[in-house]
Protein backbone atom coordinates (compact mmCIF):
# COMPACT_ATOMS: atom_id res chain seq x y z
CA UNK A 1 29.69 4.45 10.77
CA UNK A 2 28.13 1.60 12.73
CA UNK A 3 29.81 0.58 16.00
CA UNK A 4 31.79 -2.61 16.34
CA UNK A 5 31.75 -4.58 19.57
CA UNK A 6 34.86 -6.40 20.75
CA UNK A 7 33.34 -9.59 22.16
CA UNK A 8 36.61 -10.50 23.87
CA UNK A 9 36.63 -7.19 25.74
CA UNK A 10 32.90 -6.95 26.53
CA UNK A 11 32.11 -8.10 30.07
CA UNK A 12 28.33 -8.02 29.59
CA UNK A 13 27.65 -5.24 32.10
CA UNK A 14 24.70 -4.00 29.98
CA UNK A 15 25.33 -0.27 30.42
CA UNK A 16 25.32 0.21 26.63
CA UNK A 17 21.98 -1.62 26.43
CA UNK A 18 20.45 0.73 29.02
CA UNK A 19 21.82 3.88 27.34
CA UNK A 20 20.97 3.08 23.69
CA UNK A 21 18.28 5.65 22.67
CA UNK A 22 16.59 3.54 19.96
CA UNK A 23 16.82 0.47 22.25
CA UNK A 24 18.32 -1.77 19.60
CA UNK A 25 21.02 -3.29 21.81
CA UNK A 26 20.83 -6.40 23.92
CA UNK A 27 22.96 -9.10 25.48
CA UNK A 28 23.48 -12.37 23.64
CA UNK A 29 25.31 -15.06 25.59
CA UNK A 30 26.45 -12.37 28.03
CA UNK A 31 27.92 -10.07 25.37
CA UNK A 32 26.62 -6.81 23.87
CA UNK A 33 24.97 -7.02 20.45
CA UNK A 34 23.02 -4.59 18.28
CA UNK A 35 20.78 -4.48 15.23
CA UNK A 36 23.08 -2.66 12.84
CA UNK A 37 20.34 -1.81 10.32
CA UNK A 38 18.49 0.20 12.98
CA UNK A 39 21.54 1.92 14.49
CA UNK A 40 21.26 5.73 14.54
CA UNK A 41 25.06 6.07 14.85
CA UNK A 42 24.74 8.40 17.84
CA UNK A 43 27.80 6.97 19.64
CA UNK A 44 26.16 6.90 23.07
CA UNK A 45 26.82 3.18 23.46
CA UNK A 46 30.55 3.68 22.86
CA UNK A 47 30.69 6.61 25.28
CA UNK A 48 28.82 4.62 27.93
CA UNK A 49 31.03 1.52 27.74
CA UNK A 50 33.34 1.61 30.78
CA UNK A 51 35.91 -0.72 29.20
CA UNK A 52 35.89 0.68 25.63
CA UNK A 53 34.60 -2.54 24.06
CA UNK A 54 32.52 -0.55 21.55
CA UNK A 55 34.24 1.50 18.86
CA UNK A 56 33.26 3.51 15.83
CA UNK A 57 35.41 3.21 12.72
CA UNK A 58 35.32 5.88 10.07
CA UNK A 59 35.15 4.51 6.54
CA UNK A 60 38.28 4.80 4.41
CA UNK A 61 38.31 7.94 2.37
CA UNK A 62 37.81 7.36 -1.32
CA UNK A 63 38.52 10.99 -2.25
CA UNK A 64 40.77 13.76 -0.95
CA UNK A 65 39.79 17.42 -1.02
CA UNK A 66 41.65 19.68 -3.43
CA UNK A 67 41.34 23.39 -4.11
CA UNK A 68 39.31 22.68 -7.28
CA UNK A 69 37.28 19.69 -6.09
CA UNK A 70 38.19 16.14 -5.08
CA UNK A 71 40.57 13.54 -6.43
CA UNK A 72 40.53 9.75 -5.92
CA UNK A 73 42.80 8.36 -3.20
CA UNK A 74 45.01 5.47 -4.37
CA UNK A 75 44.40 2.26 -2.44
């Protein structure tokens, strides 16, 4: 669940860069960017963003819980 950054929304304030615990965020051409392979998925960057330019998206569920296990979800 790696964050996505809306470059159109990001105003380059840098708060997310300052708050990122593993320090893998930076500003490129005045917009927030991160090294996705090193992301710890803590969500602090998204919480810190004052304009909600950073979001976490849960992956689509491939299985649904059932009383006797899981079954595939049709796509």
